[in-house]
């Protein structure tokens, strides 16, 4: 059963942000959470580069003046090349299948009611793309990896509402494989699992909890805030968190502002 009424415990203790003092690569930074992370890192004066595909819409990145490297995460050789040519010490990946990648475009809400659109797992970046990034980061000496996945993987499966499980069964499976690959890589990792995304403004109440039964919806900007918090907090290393917002427990709250 879903744990929407479950009150989580074991939150990450806040600390002063400590800069990684190295080059940061953002994968999945052309939109959504990844783009919000880039904006916040720029505000902190960090050295940020975005990995993009040759077909990506980079207009917002260009407006921000963000450095870019071109690679398709599904093509191992391209990923290896951009890592070998750059000294990335930190990687933040929000990479996953987007609606526009699906053979039949379908958003989060539609997927819950209609079921997930079938797609060849070898064309999904959720596992293969992230595996290529993790392997190249490890091979080239990166020392920090922040991975944004999804509630429903691993021990958080029972936290996810049944309709969401139905709509994201394959994504959950692929992201769980990627999480496990990262844990086994030896990198200093932090895994963050958000629920459904909203474009609302920050509530100011989002937190990271190690409680796997926690569930909430959450604003994209708040996931970005939590990713930056984890990056700058050594207590987050080697841990898996749920991104939890007590102000976003119900679906209708995603659309309020």
C-alpha atoms as a PDB file:
ATOM      1  CA  UNK A   1       0.000   0.000   0.000  1.00  0.00           C
ATOM      2  CA  UNK A   2       1.051   3.600  -0.502  1.00  0.00           C
ATOM      3  CA  UNK A   3       2.578   5.435   2.431  1.00  0.00           C
ATOM      4  CA  UNK A   4       1.046   8.821   1.662  1.00  0.00           C
ATOM      5  CA  UNK A   5       0.004   9.172   5.313  1.00  0.00           C
ATOM      6  CA  UNK A   6       3.342   7.930   6.625  1.00  0.00           C
ATOM      7  CA  UNK A   7       5.282  10.548   8.585  1.00  0.00           C
ATOM      8  CA  UNK A   8       8.982  10.096   7.837  1.00  0.00           C
ATOM      9  CA  UNK A   9      11.898  10.337  10.222  1.00  0.00           C
ATOM     10  CA  UNK A  10      15.693  10.359   9.930  1.00  0.00           C
ATOM     11  CA  UNK A  11      16.180  13.583   7.988  1.00  0.00           C
ATOM     12  CA  UNK A  12      19.578  14.734   6.769  1.00  0.00           C
ATOM     13  CA  UNK A  13      21.048  17.196   9.240  1.00  0.00           C
ATOM     14  CA  UNK A  14      21.644  20.587   7.667  1.00  0.00           C
ATOM     15  CA  UNK A  15      25.195  21.873   7.397  1.00  0.00           C
ATOM     16  CA  UNK A  16      27.050  24.749   5.804  1.00  0.00           C
ATOM     17  CA  UNK A  17      27.591  24.247   2.070  1.00  0.00           C
ATOM     18  CA  UNK A  18      31.094  23.059   1.214  1.00  0.00           C
ATOM     19  CA  UNK A  19      32.101  23.669  -2.396  1.00  0.00           C
ATOM     20  CA  UNK A  20      33.427  20.614  -4.266  1.00  0.00           C
ATOM     21  CA  UNK A  21      36.200  22.852  -5.682  1.00  0.00           C
ATOM     22  CA  UNK A  22      36.285  20.999  -9.001  1.00  0.00           C
ATOM     23  CA  UNK A  23      34.563  20.882 -12.376  1.00  0.00           C
ATOM     24  CA  UNK A  24      30.936  19.761 -12.187  1.00  0.00           C
ATOM     25  CA  UNK A  25      29.212  17.918 -15.034  1.00  0.00           C
ATOM     26  CA  UNK A  26      25.414  18.023 -15.183  1.00  0.00           C
ATOM     27  CA  UNK A  27      23.706  15.318 -17.231  1.00  0.00           C
ATOM     28  CA  UNK A  28      20.086  16.070 -18.086  1.00  0.00           C
ATOM     29  CA  UNK A  29      20.520  19.811 -17.667  1.00  0.00           C
ATOM     30  CA  UNK A  30      18.610  21.200 -20.641  1.00  0.00           C
ATOM     31  CA  UNK A  31      15.305  21.279 -18.757  1.00  0.00           C
ATOM     32  CA  UNK A  32      13.498  20.487 -15.518  1.00  0.00           C
ATOM     33  CA  UNK A  33      15.424  19.623 -12.369  1.00  0.00           C
ATOM     34  CA  UNK A  34      18.767  19.531 -14.156  1.00  0.00           C
ATOM     35  CA  UNK A  35      18.360  23.071 -15.449  1.00  0.00           C
ATOM     36  CA  UNK A  36      17.336  24.289 -11.989  1.00  0.00           C
ATOM     37  CA  UNK A  37      20.464  22.659 -10.533  1.00  0.00           C
ATOM     38  CA  UNK A  38      22.634  24.430 -13.094  1.00  0.00           C
ATOM     39  CA  UNK A  39      21.110  27.809 -12.227  1.00  0.00           C
ATOM     40  CA  UNK A  40      21.779  27.295  -8.526  1.00  0.00           C
ATOM     41  CA  UNK A  41      25.352  26.121  -9.058  1.00  0.00           C
ATOM     42  CA  UNK A  42      26.061  29.160 -11.233  1.00  0.00           C
ATOM     43  CA  UNK A  43      24.696  31.382  -8.467  1.00  0.00           C
ATOM     44  CA  UNK A  44      27.230  29.742  -6.142  1.00  0.00           C
ATOM     45  CA  UNK A  45      30.064  30.427  -8.557  1.00  0.00           C
ATOM     46  CA  UNK A  46      30.724  26.771  -9.373  1.00  0.00           C
ATOM     47  CA  UNK A  47      32.468  25.600 -12.563  1.00  0.00           C
ATOM     48  CA  UNK A  48      29.557  23.954 -14.402  1.00  0.00           C
ATOM     49  CA  UNK A  49      29.366  22.080 -17.700  1.00  0.00           C
ATOM     50  CA  UNK A  50      26.238  20.517 -19.219  1.00  0.00           C
ATOM     51  CA  UNK A  51      26.331  17.314 -21.255  1.00  0.00           C
ATOM     52  CA  UNK A  52      23.872  17.626 -24.143  1.00  0.00           C
ATOM     53  CA  UNK A  53      22.920  15.678 -27.246  1.00  0.00           C
ATOM     54  CA  UNK A  54      23.552  17.189 -30.671  1.00  0.00           C
ATOM     55  CA  UNK A  55      19.768  17.486 -31.071  1.00  0.00           C
ATOM     56  CA  UNK A  56      19.122  19.087 -27.666  1.00  0.00           C
ATOM     57  CA  UNK A  57      17.438  22.459 -27.280  1.00  0.00           C
ATOM     58  CA  UNK A  58      20.211  24.439 -25.596  1.00  0.00           C
ATOM     59  CA  UNK A  59      18.649  27.894 -25.804  1.00  0.00           C
ATOM     60  CA  UNK A  60      18.313  28.312 -22.036  1.00  0.00           C
ATOM     61  CA  UNK A  61      21.832  26.996 -21.438  1.00  0.00           C
ATOM     62  CA  UNK A  62      23.192  29.480 -23.955  1.00  0.00           C
ATOM     63  CA  UNK A  63      21.327  32.308 -22.241  1.00  0.00           C
ATOM     64  CA  UNK A  64      22.963  31.288 -18.958  1.00  0.00           C
ATOM     65  CA  UNK A  65      26.395  31.087 -20.583  1.00  0.00           C
ATOM     66  CA  UNK A  66      26.834  27.454 -19.570  1.00  0.00           C
ATOM     67  CA  UNK A  67      29.688  25.423 -21.068  1.00  0.00           C
ATOM     68  CA  UNK A  68      28.513  22.374 -23.002  1.00  0.00           C
ATOM     69  CA  UNK A  69      29.932  19.046 -24.153  1.00  0.00           C
ATOM     70  CA  UNK A  70      28.121  16.953 -26.751  1.00  0.00           C
ATOM     71  CA  UNK A  71      27.466  13.263 -26.181  1.00  0.00           C
ATOM     72  CA  UNK A  72      24.600  10.792 -26.343  1.00  0.00           C
ATOM     73  CA  UNK A  73      24.513   8.931 -23.037  1.00  0.00           C
ATOM     74  CA  UNK A  74      23.423   5.749 -24.831  1.00  0.00           C
ATOM     75  CA  UNK A  75      26.642   5.712 -26.881  1.00  0.00           C
ATOM     76  CA  UNK A  76      29.436   4.570 -24.581  1.00  0.00           C
ATOM     77  CA  UNK A  77      32.266   5.851 -26.777  1.00  0.00           C
ATOM     78  CA  UNK A  78      30.859   9.376 -26.845  1.00  0.00           C
ATOM     79  CA  UNK A  79      30.542   9.446 -23.064  1.00  0.00           C
ATOM     80  CA  UNK A  80      34.078   8.123 -22.613  1.00  0.00           C
ATOM     81  CA  UNK A  81      35.367  10.801 -24.979  1.00  0.00           C
ATOM     82  CA  UNK A  82      33.922  13.780 -23.104  1.00  0.00           C
ATOM     83  CA  UNK A  83      35.230  12.444 -19.789  1.00  0.00           C
ATOM     84  CA  UNK A  84      38.708  11.798 -21.204  1.00  0.00           C
ATOM     85  CA  UNK A  85      38.891  15.362 -22.537  1.00  0.00           C
ATOM     86  CA  UNK A  86      37.726  17.039 -19.327  1.00  0.00           C
ATOM     87  CA  UNK A  87      38.663  16.767 -15.678  1.00  0.00           C
ATOM     88  CA  UNK A  88      35.231  16.399 -14.099  1.00  0.00           C
ATOM     89  CA  UNK A  89      35.474  15.808 -10.363  1.00  0.00           C
ATOM     90  CA  UNK A  90      31.732  15.841  -9.683  1.00  0.00           C
ATOM     91  CA  UNK A  91      28.812  14.483 -11.702  1.00  0.00           C
ATOM     92  CA  UNK A  92      25.119  15.183 -11.135  1.00  0.00           C
ATOM     93  CA  UNK A  93      22.751  13.095 -13.245  1.00  0.00           C
ATOM     94  CA  UNK A  94      19.033  13.688 -13.650  1.00  0.00           C
ATOM     95  CA  UNK A  95      19.048  11.579 -16.811  1.00  0.00           C
ATOM     96  CA  UNK A  96      15.926   9.600 -17.604  1.00  0.00           C
ATOM     97  CA  UNK A  97      13.304   8.896 -20.235  1.00  0.00           C
ATOM     98  CA  UNK A  98      11.290  12.005 -21.069  1.00  0.00           C
ATOM     99  CA  UNK A  99       7.843  12.156 -22.650  1.00  0.00           C
ATOM    100  CA  UNK A 100       9.339  13.322 -25.941  1.00  0.00           C
ATOM    101  CA  UNK A 101      11.579  10.217 -26.040  1.00  0.00           C
ATOM    102  CA  UNK A 102       8.578   7.874 -25.982  1.00  0.00           C
ATOM    103  CA  UNK A 103       7.133   6.479 -29.237  1.00  0.00           C
ATOM    104  CA  UNK A 104       3.742   7.817 -28.106  1.00  0.00           C
ATOM    105  CA  UNK A 105       4.153  11.009 -26.083  1.00  0.00           C
ATOM    106  CA  UNK A 106       2.415  10.683 -22.743  1.00  0.00           C
ATOM    107  CA  UNK A 107       2.858  12.720 -19.578  1.00  0.00           C
ATOM    108  CA  UNK A 108       2.999  11.588 -15.943  1.00  0.00           C
ATOM    109  CA  UNK A 109      -0.726  11.950 -15.272  1.00  0.00           C
ATOM    110  CA  UNK A 110      -1.734  10.139 -18.478  1.00  0.00           C
ATOM    111  CA  UNK A 111       0.652   7.271 -17.695  1.00  0.00           C
ATOM    112  CA  UNK A 112      -0.953   6.695 -14.299  1.00  0.00           C
ATOM    113  CA  UNK A 113      -4.361   6.091 -15.859  1.00  0.00           C
ATOM    114  CA  UNK A 114      -3.470   4.610 -19.254  1.00  0.00           C
ATOM    115  CA  UNK A 115      -0.440   2.586 -18.211  1.00  0.00           C
ATOM    116  CA  UNK A 116       3.142   3.002 -19.305  1.00  0.00           C
ATOM    117  CA  UNK A 117       4.008   3.299 -22.984  1.00  0.00           C
ATOM    118  CA  UNK A 118       6.076   0.290 -24.066  1.00  0.00           C
ATOM    119  CA  UNK A 119       9.582   1.093 -25.236  1.00  0.00           C
ATOM    120  CA  UNK A 120      12.750  -0.860 -25.991  1.00  0.00           C
ATOM    121  CA  UNK A 121      14.802  -0.693 -22.728  1.00  0.00           C
ATOM    122  CA  UNK A 122      17.966  -0.369 -24.828  1.00  0.00           C
ATOM    123  CA  UNK A 123      16.644   2.979 -26.049  1.00  0.00           C
ATOM    124  CA  UNK A 124      15.908   4.233 -22.542  1.00  0.00           C
ATOM    125  CA  UNK A 125      18.744   6.161 -20.867  1.00  0.00           C
ATOM    126  CA  UNK A 126      17.483   5.341 -17.353  1.00  0.00           C
ATOM    127  CA  UNK A 127      19.900   2.426 -16.906  1.00  0.00           C
ATOM    128  CA  UNK A 128      22.176   2.173 -19.933  1.00  0.00           C
ATOM    129  CA  UNK A 129      22.820   5.903 -20.202  1.00  0.00           C
ATOM    130  CA  UNK A 130      23.475   6.318 -16.509  1.00  0.00           C
ATOM    131  CA  UNK A 131      25.648   3.187 -16.463  1.00  0.00           C
ATOM    132  CA  UNK A 132      27.826   4.679 -19.206  1.00  0.00           C
ATOM    133  CA  UNK A 133      28.159   7.912 -17.246  1.00  0.00           C
ATOM    134  CA  UNK A 134      28.935   6.131 -13.966  1.00  0.00           C
ATOM    135  CA  UNK A 135      31.567   3.913 -15.597  1.00  0.00           C
ATOM    136  CA  UNK A 136      33.293   6.823 -17.335  1.00  0.00           C
ATOM    137  CA  UNK A 137      33.204   8.953 -14.188  1.00  0.00           C
ATOM    138  CA  UNK A 138      34.837   6.126 -12.250  1.00  0.00           C
ATOM    139  CA  UNK A 139      37.454   5.437 -14.936  1.00  0.00           C
ATOM    140  CA  UNK A 140      38.444   9.091 -15.209  1.00  0.00           C
ATOM    141  CA  UNK A 141      38.768   9.682 -11.465  1.00  0.00           C
ATOM    142  CA  UNK A 142      35.623  11.612 -10.548  1.00  0.00           C
ATOM    143  CA  UNK A 143      35.152  11.567  -6.785  1.00  0.00           C
ATOM    144  CA  UNK A 144      31.491  12.556  -6.323  1.00  0.00           C
ATOM    145  CA  UNK A 145      28.224  11.469  -7.962  1.00  0.00           C
ATOM    146  CA  UNK A 146      24.733  12.794  -7.214  1.00  0.00           C
ATOM    147  CA  UNK A 147      21.980  10.728  -8.829  1.00  0.00           C
ATOM    148  CA  UNK A 148      18.344  11.842  -9.075  1.00  0.00           C
ATOM    149  CA  UNK A 149      16.129   8.784  -9.558  1.00  0.00           C
ATOM    150  CA  UNK A 150      12.519   8.149  -8.465  1.00  0.00           C
ATOM    151  CA  UNK A 151      10.451   6.912  -5.536  1.00  0.00           C
ATOM    152  CA  UNK A 152       9.549   3.282  -6.215  1.00  0.00           C
ATOM    153  CA  UNK A 153      13.016   1.829  -6.656  1.00  0.00           C
ATOM    154  CA  UNK A 154      14.361  -0.729  -4.193  1.00  0.00           C
ATOM    155  CA  UNK A 155      12.963  -0.567  -0.688  1.00  0.00           C
ATOM    156  CA  UNK A 156      10.876   2.506  -1.583  1.00  0.00           C
ATOM    157  CA  UNK A 157       8.527   0.495  -3.830  1.00  0.00           C
ATOM    158  CA  UNK A 158       5.757   0.360  -1.233  1.00  0.00           C
ATOM    159  CA  UNK A 159       5.929   4.133  -0.784  1.00  0.00           C
ATOM    160  CA  UNK A 160       4.679   4.723  -4.313  1.00  0.00           C
ATOM    161  CA  UNK A 161       0.907   5.031  -4.938  1.00  0.00           C
ATOM    162  CA  UNK A 162      -0.466   2.097  -6.996  1.00  0.00           C
ATOM    163  CA  UNK A 163      -1.391   4.257  -9.995  1.00  0.00           C
ATOM    164  CA  UNK A 164       2.145   5.615 -10.166  1.00  0.00           C
ATOM    165  CA  UNK A 165       3.550   2.072 -10.042  1.00  0.00           C
ATOM    166  CA  UNK A 166       1.343   1.188 -12.989  1.00  0.00           C
ATOM    167  CA  UNK A 167       2.447   4.191 -14.989  1.00  0.00           C
ATOM    168  CA  UNK A 168       6.178   3.848 -14.351  1.00  0.00           C
ATOM    169  CA  UNK A 169       6.845   0.134 -13.955  1.00  0.00           C
ATOM    170  CA  UNK A 170       9.610  -0.046 -16.564  1.00  0.00           C
ATOM    171  CA  UNK A 171      11.227   3.249 -15.548  1.00  0.00           C
ATOM    172  CA  UNK A 172      11.382   2.064 -11.936  1.00  0.00           C
ATOM    173  CA  UNK A 173      13.029  -1.193 -12.988  1.00  0.00           C
ATOM    174  CA  UNK A 174      15.667   0.570 -15.083  1.00  0.00           C
ATOM    175  CA  UNK A 175      16.428   3.248 -12.496  1.00  0.00           C
ATOM    176  CA  UNK A 176      16.782   0.610  -9.783  1.00  0.00           C
ATOM    177  CA  UNK A 177      19.438  -1.131 -11.879  1.00  0.00           C
ATOM    178  CA  UNK A 178      21.240   2.200 -12.278  1.00  0.00           C
ATOM    179  CA  UNK A 179      21.101   2.863  -8.526  1.00  0.00           C
ATOM    180  CA  UNK A 180      22.636  -0.528  -7.800  1.00  0.00           C
ATOM    181  CA  UNK A 181      25.339   0.015 -10.405  1.00  0.00           C
ATOM    182  CA  UNK A 182      26.267   3.311  -8.776  1.00  0.00           C
ATOM    183  CA  UNK A 183      26.427   1.743  -5.303  1.00  0.00           C
ATOM    184  CA  UNK A 184      28.784  -0.926  -6.611  1.00  0.00           C
ATOM    185  CA  UNK A 185      31.002   1.564  -8.478  1.00  0.00           C
ATOM    186  CA  UNK A 186      33.018   2.762  -5.500  1.00  0.00           C
ATOM    187  CA  UNK A 187      32.177   6.406  -6.223  1.00  0.00           C
ATOM    188  CA  UNK A 188      31.218   8.715  -3.355  1.00  0.00           C
ATOM    189  CA  UNK A 189      27.532   8.743  -4.230  1.00  0.00           C
ATOM    190  CA  UNK A 190      24.271  10.236  -3.036  1.00  0.00           C
ATOM    191  CA  UNK A 191      20.975   8.954  -4.447  1.00  0.00           C
ATOM    192  CA  UNK A 192      17.887  11.168  -4.249  1.00  0.00           C
ATOM    193  CA  UNK A 193      14.412   9.786  -4.986  1.00  0.00           C
ATOM    194  CA  UNK A 194      11.677  12.362  -5.667  1.00  0.00           C
ATOM    195  CA  UNK A 195       7.989  11.672  -6.277  1.00  0.00           C
ATOM    196  CA  UNK A 196       5.891  13.410  -8.931  1.00  0.00           C
ATOM    197  CA  UNK A 197       7.265  16.759 -10.096  1.00  0.00           C
ATOM    198  CA  UNK A 198       5.480  20.099  -9.953  1.00  0.00           C
ATOM    199  CA  UNK A 199       6.385  23.454 -11.480  1.00  0.00           C
ATOM    200  CA  UNK A 200       5.297  25.229  -8.300  1.00  0.00           C
ATOM    201  CA  UNK A 201       7.582  27.663  -6.562  1.00  0.00           C
ATOM    202  CA  UNK A 202       9.669  26.398  -3.671  1.00  0.00           C
ATOM    203  CA  UNK A 203       7.687  25.619  -0.536  1.00  0.00           C
ATOM    204  CA  UNK A 204      10.773  26.021   1.620  1.00  0.00           C
ATOM    205  CA  UNK A 205       9.838  22.824   3.474  1.00  0.00           C
ATOM    206  CA  UNK A 206      11.423  20.088   1.352  1.00  0.00           C
ATOM    207  CA  UNK A 207      13.871  17.793   3.142  1.00  0.00           C
ATOM    208  CA  UNK A 208      15.952  14.697   2.508  1.00  0.00           C
ATOM    209  CA  UNK A 209      14.953  11.654   4.536  1.00  0.00           C
ATOM    210  CA  UNK A 210      16.465   8.171   4.694  1.00  0.00           C
ATOM    211  CA  UNK A 211      13.008   6.773   5.447  1.00  0.00           C
ATOM    212  CA  UNK A 212      12.162   4.579   2.403  1.00  0.00           C
ATOM    213  CA  UNK A 213       8.419   4.710   3.127  1.00  0.00           C
ATOM    214  CA  UNK A 214       8.241   8.486   2.715  1.00  0.00           C
ATOM    215  CA  UNK A 215       6.251   9.841  -0.223  1.00  0.00           C
ATOM    216  CA  UNK A 216       5.268  13.267  -1.457  1.00  0.00           C
ATOM    217  CA  UNK A 217       5.033  15.236  -4.647  1.00  0.00           C
ATOM    218  CA  UNK A 218       7.624  17.983  -4.945  1.00  0.00           C
ATOM    219  CA  UNK A 219       8.514  21.114  -6.903  1.00  0.00           C
ATOM    220  CA  UNK A 220      11.380  20.752  -9.354  1.00  0.00           C
ATOM    221  CA  UNK A 221      13.106  23.741  -7.818  1.00  0.00           C
ATOM    222  CA  UNK A 222      13.026  22.039  -4.414  1.00  0.00           C
ATOM    223  CA  UNK A 223      14.613  18.866  -5.793  1.00  0.00           C
ATOM    224  CA  UNK A 224      17.362  21.100  -7.151  1.00  0.00           C
ATOM    225  CA  UNK A 225      17.755  22.731  -3.736  1.00  0.00           C
ATOM    226  CA  UNK A 226      18.068  19.298  -2.115  1.00  0.00           C
ATOM    227  CA  UNK A 227      20.621  18.133  -4.682  1.00  0.00           C
ATOM    228  CA  UNK A 228      22.792  21.167  -3.918  1.00  0.00           C
ATOM    229  CA  UNK A 229      22.346  20.555  -0.191  1.00  0.00           C
ATOM    230  CA  UNK A 230      23.519  16.957  -0.618  1.00  0.00           C
ATOM    231  CA  UNK A 231      26.464  18.007  -2.779  1.00  0.00           C
ATOM    232  CA  UNK A 232      27.704  20.393  -0.112  1.00  0.00           C
ATOM    233  CA  UNK A 233      27.107  18.040   2.836  1.00  0.00           C
ATOM    234  CA  UNK A 234      29.559  15.168   3.381  1.00  0.00           C
ATOM    235  CA  UNK A 235      27.029  13.457   5.650  1.00  0.00           C
ATOM    236  CA  UNK A 236      25.038  12.571   2.519  1.00  0.00           C
ATOM    237  CA  UNK A 237      27.794  10.429   0.987  1.00  0.00           C
ATOM    238  CA  UNK A 238      26.972   6.753   0.562  1.00  0.00           C
ATOM    239  CA  UNK A 239      23.293   7.273   1.365  1.00  0.00           C
ATOM    240  CA  UNK A 240      19.949   7.036  -0.398  1.00  0.00           C
ATOM    241  CA  UNK A 241      17.294   9.646   0.345  1.00  0.00           C
ATOM    242  CA  UNK A 242      13.700  10.426  -0.474  1.00  0.00           C
ATOM    243  CA  UNK A 243      12.965  14.042  -1.401  1.00  0.00           C
ATOM    244  CA  UNK A 244      10.045  14.830   0.893  1.00  0.00           C
ATOM    245  CA  UNK A 245       7.807  17.899   1.144  1.00  0.00           C
ATOM    246  CA  UNK A 246       5.113  17.884   3.829  1.00  0.00           C
ATOM    247  CA  UNK A 247       3.256  20.591   1.867  1.00  0.00           C
ATOM    248  CA  UNK A 248       2.885  18.363  -1.218  1.00  0.00           C
ATOM    249  CA  UNK A 249       1.272  15.127  -0.052  1.00  0.00           C
ATOM    250  CA  UNK A 250      -1.673  15.124  -2.454  1.00  0.00           C
ATOM    251  CA  UNK A 251      -1.876  15.222  -6.231  1.00  0.00           C
ATOM    252  CA  UNK A 252      -3.988  18.388  -6.387  1.00  0.00           C
ATOM    253  CA  UNK A 253      -1.284  20.285  -4.467  1.00  0.00           C
ATOM    254  CA  UNK A 254       1.013  19.928  -7.478  1.00  0.00           C
ATOM    255  CA  UNK A 255      -1.072  22.522  -9.283  1.00  0.00           C
ATOM    256  CA  UNK A 256      -1.448  25.080  -6.486  1.00  0.00           C
ATOM    257  CA  UNK A 257       0.745  28.121  -6.012  1.00  0.00           C
END
